């Protein structure tokens, strides 16, 4: 049975679709019968995120790809990764590698979602550094969600931003 028919009939749990999707996201490999990598990643995130081999494959992409999850909407993919793999140590470690690498620079929404995987000290450092860049609402929201104003470092940084001429950029996140 061809994969489009399986998709139409309810693909989650189908081992052949899983194998095809995993093979389709292998870096530097293109197979004649493979899926588009973006489609494969969507399938894995939507239907197979509970499988350990999916976490391993996606963690590998995060650690090694120049642009992980380069979908038509990478924000959506990173948000799904954060929601579906929160607390997964393999994914947290991979995200920390990516966050420490220059590859993550200027990817503010993606950084904010990567931080949500495990609220690591690496993520916190990266987010605090982003407060000085453009679009400080991305790191502000993640810092508030992950550490809150009870964290002295977060509190000091966010109060400094809130009392600056850049306060309007994060005003919607500040208490009334």
Protein backbone atom coordinates (compact mmCIF):
# COMPACT_ATOMS: atom_id res chain seq x y z
CA UNK A 1 0.00 0.00 0.00
CA UNK A 2 1.38 3.41 -0.94
CA UNK A 3 1.94 6.00 1.80
CA UNK A 4 -0.71 8.56 0.66
CA UNK A 5 -3.41 5.91 1.12
CA UNK A 6 -2.11 5.13 4.61
CA UNK A 7 -2.16 8.82 5.43
CA UNK A 8 -5.77 9.05 4.31
CA UNK A 9 -6.75 6.01 6.39
CA UNK A 10 -5.08 7.13 9.58
CA UNK A 11 -1.30 7.05 9.61
CA UNK A 12 -0.43 7.49 13.30
CA UNK A 13 1.28 4.37 14.51
CA UNK A 14 2.00 3.03 11.02
CA UNK A 15 5.56 1.68 11.10
CA UNK A 16 6.12 2.02 7.36
CA UNK A 17 5.20 5.72 7.46
CA UNK A 18 7.41 6.22 10.50
CA UNK A 19 10.36 4.55 8.77
CA UNK A 20 9.80 6.59 5.61
CA UNK A 21 9.57 9.86 7.56
CA UNK A 22 12.72 9.10 9.57
CA UNK A 23 14.64 8.17 6.42
CA UNK A 24 13.41 11.35 4.72
CA UNK A 25 14.96 13.62 7.36
CA UNK A 26 18.39 12.01 7.32
CA UNK A 27 20.89 14.80 6.70
CA UNK A 28 22.71 14.76 3.38
CA UNK A 29 20.68 11.79 2.10
CA UNK A 30 18.06 11.91 -0.63
CA UNK A 31 16.13 8.80 -1.58
CA UNK A 32 13.99 8.37 -4.68
CA UNK A 33 10.97 7.40 -2.60
CA UNK A 34 11.50 9.86 0.24
CA UNK A 35 9.10 12.50 1.46
CA UNK A 36 9.91 16.17 1.43
CA UNK A 37 11.88 16.72 4.67
CA UNK A 38 9.44 19.40 5.85
CA UNK A 39 6.49 17.05 5.34
CA UNK A 40 8.37 14.27 7.12
CA UNK A 41 9.12 16.48 10.12
CA UNK A 42 5.47 17.50 10.31
CA UNK A 43 4.41 13.85 10.25
CA UNK A 44 6.88 12.99 13.00
CA UNK A 45 5.79 15.90 15.20
CA UNK A 46 2.09 15.28 14.67
CA UNK A 47 1.93 11.51 14.78
CA UNK A 48 5.03 9.95 16.26
CA UNK A 49 6.38 12.35 18.89
CA UNK A 50 6.05 9.73 21.65
CA UNK A 51 8.51 7.42 19.92
CA UNK A 52 12.11 7.51 21.24
CA UNK A 53 13.60 7.16 17.76
CA UNK A 54 11.79 10.35 16.74
CA UNK A 55 13.26 12.28 19.68
CA UNK A 56 16.69 10.95 18.75
CA UNK A 57 16.33 11.93 15.08
CA UNK A 58 14.98 15.40 15.84
CA UNK A 59 17.66 15.99 18.50
CA UNK A 60 20.25 15.12 15.87
CA UNK A 61 18.76 17.70 13.51
CA UNK A 62 18.81 20.35 16.24
CA UNK A 63 22.45 19.56 17.08
CA UNK A 64 23.74 19.45 13.51
CA UNK A 65 21.53 21.23 10.96
CA UNK A 66 22.33 24.79 9.96
CA UNK A 67 18.62 25.62 10.06
CA UNK A 68 16.65 23.05 12.06
CA UNK A 69 13.03 22.75 11.03
CA UNK A 70 13.23 25.04 8.04
CA UNK A 71 9.53 24.66 7.33
CA UNK A 72 7.21 27.17 5.76
CA UNK A 73 6.56 28.10 9.40
CA UNK A 74 9.59 27.22 11.57
CA UNK A 75 7.94 28.93 14.57
CA UNK A 76 5.19 26.30 14.47
CA UNK A 77 7.69 23.44 14.32
CA UNK A 78 9.78 24.78 17.21
CA UNK A 79 6.61 25.42 19.23
CA UNK A 80 5.50 21.83 18.63
CA UNK A 81 8.95 20.54 19.58
CA UNK A 82 8.77 22.53 22.83
CA UNK A 83 5.26 21.29 23.63
CA UNK A 84 5.82 17.66 22.73
CA UNK A 85 9.35 17.15 24.06
CA UNK A 86 9.40 19.38 27.16
CA UNK A 87 11.57 17.72 29.79
CA UNK A 88 13.15 15.26 27.33
CA UNK A 89 16.82 15.26 28.35
CA UNK A 90 18.05 14.32 24.88
CA UNK A 91 16.18 17.24 23.33
CA UNK A 92 17.28 19.66 26.08
CA UNK A 93 20.92 18.71 25.50
CA UNK A 94 20.53 19.16 21.74
CA UNK A 95 18.83 22.53 22.21
CA UNK A 96 21.65 23.66 24.49
CA UNK A 97 24.18 22.79 21.79
CA UNK A 98 22.16 24.80 19.27
CA UNK A 99 21.67 27.72 21.67
CA UNK A 100 25.44 27.90 22.30
CA UNK A 101 26.15 27.93 18.57
CA UNK A 102 26.09 30.99 16.32
CA UNK A 103 23.53 29.12 14.20
CA UNK A 104 20.86 30.20 16.67
CA UNK A 105 21.71 33.90 16.47
CA UNK A 106 18.87 36.04 15.10
CA UNK A 107 16.31 33.24 15.48
CA UNK A 108 14.52 34.89 18.38
CA UNK A 109 11.18 33.02 18.28
CA UNK A 110 12.94 29.68 17.82
CA UNK A 111 15.27 30.44 20.75
CA UNK A 112 12.29 31.23 22.95
CA UNK A 113 10.69 27.89 22.07
CA UNK A 114 13.96 25.95 22.45
CA UNK A 115 14.30 27.39 25.95
CA UNK A 116 10.94 25.86 26.87
CA UNK A 117 12.27 22.34 26.39
CA UNK A 118 13.94 22.35 29.78
CA UNK A 119 14.53 25.88 31.07
CA UNK A 120 18.27 25.19 31.20
CA UNK A 121 20.90 27.63 32.41
CA UNK A 122 22.17 27.77 28.81
CA UNK A 123 18.71 28.86 27.65
CA UNK A 124 18.45 31.46 30.41
CA UNK A 125 21.84 32.96 29.49
CA UNK A 126 20.88 33.12 25.81
CA UNK A 127 17.50 34.70 26.57
CA UNK A 128 19.01 37.31 28.90
CA UNK A 129 21.47 38.23 26.14
CA UNK A 130 18.62 38.67 23.67
CA UNK A 131 16.98 41.37 25.78
CA UNK A 132 19.49 43.82 24.29
CA UNK A 133 18.61 42.81 20.71
CA UNK A 134 15.59 43.57 18.60
CA UNK A 135 12.23 41.99 19.47
CA UNK A 136 12.82 41.65 23.23
CA UNK A 137 9.27 40.38 23.72
CA UNK A 138 10.36 36.88 22.65
CA UNK A 139 12.96 36.38 25.38
CA UNK A 140 10.89 38.36 27.91
CA UNK A 141 7.92 36.02 27.59
CA UNK A 142 10.11 32.93 27.95
CA UNK A 143 12.03 34.36 30.90
CA UNK A 144 8.78 35.16 32.68
CA UNK A 145 7.29 31.74 31.91
CA UNK A 146 10.40 29.78 32.88
CA UNK A 147 11.95 31.71 35.75
CA UNK A 148 9.60 34.54 36.62
CA UNK A 149 10.31 37.69 38.53
CA UNK A 150 11.36 35.72 41.63
CA UNK A 151 14.64 34.95 39.86
CA UNK A 152 17.02 37.80 40.78
CA UNK A 153 18.85 37.83 37.45
CA UNK A 154 15.63 37.78 35.43
CA UNK A 155 14.00 40.38 37.67
CA UNK A 156 16.95 42.76 37.46
CA UNK A 157 17.19 42.45 33.68
CA UNK A 158 13.48 42.83 33.02
CA UNK A 159 13.09 45.74 35.43
CA UNK A 160 15.98 47.45 33.68
CA UNK A 161 14.27 46.95 30.33
CA UNK A 162 10.89 48.03 31.72
CA UNK A 163 12.43 51.26 33.02
CA UNK A 164 14.12 52.07 29.72
CA UNK A 165 12.98 53.73 26.52
CA UNK A 166 12.41 50.18 25.17
CA UNK A 167 9.61 49.46 27.67
CA UNK A 168 6.88 49.72 24.96
CA UNK A 169 8.42 46.69 23.26
CA UNK A 170 7.51 44.48 26.22
CA UNK A 171 4.60 46.49 27.68
CA UNK A 172 2.01 43.84 26.80
CA UNK A 173 3.88 41.35 29.02
CA UNK A 174 4.14 43.61 32.06
CA UNK A 175 1.56 43.52 34.86
CA UNK A 176 -1.04 46.29 34.66
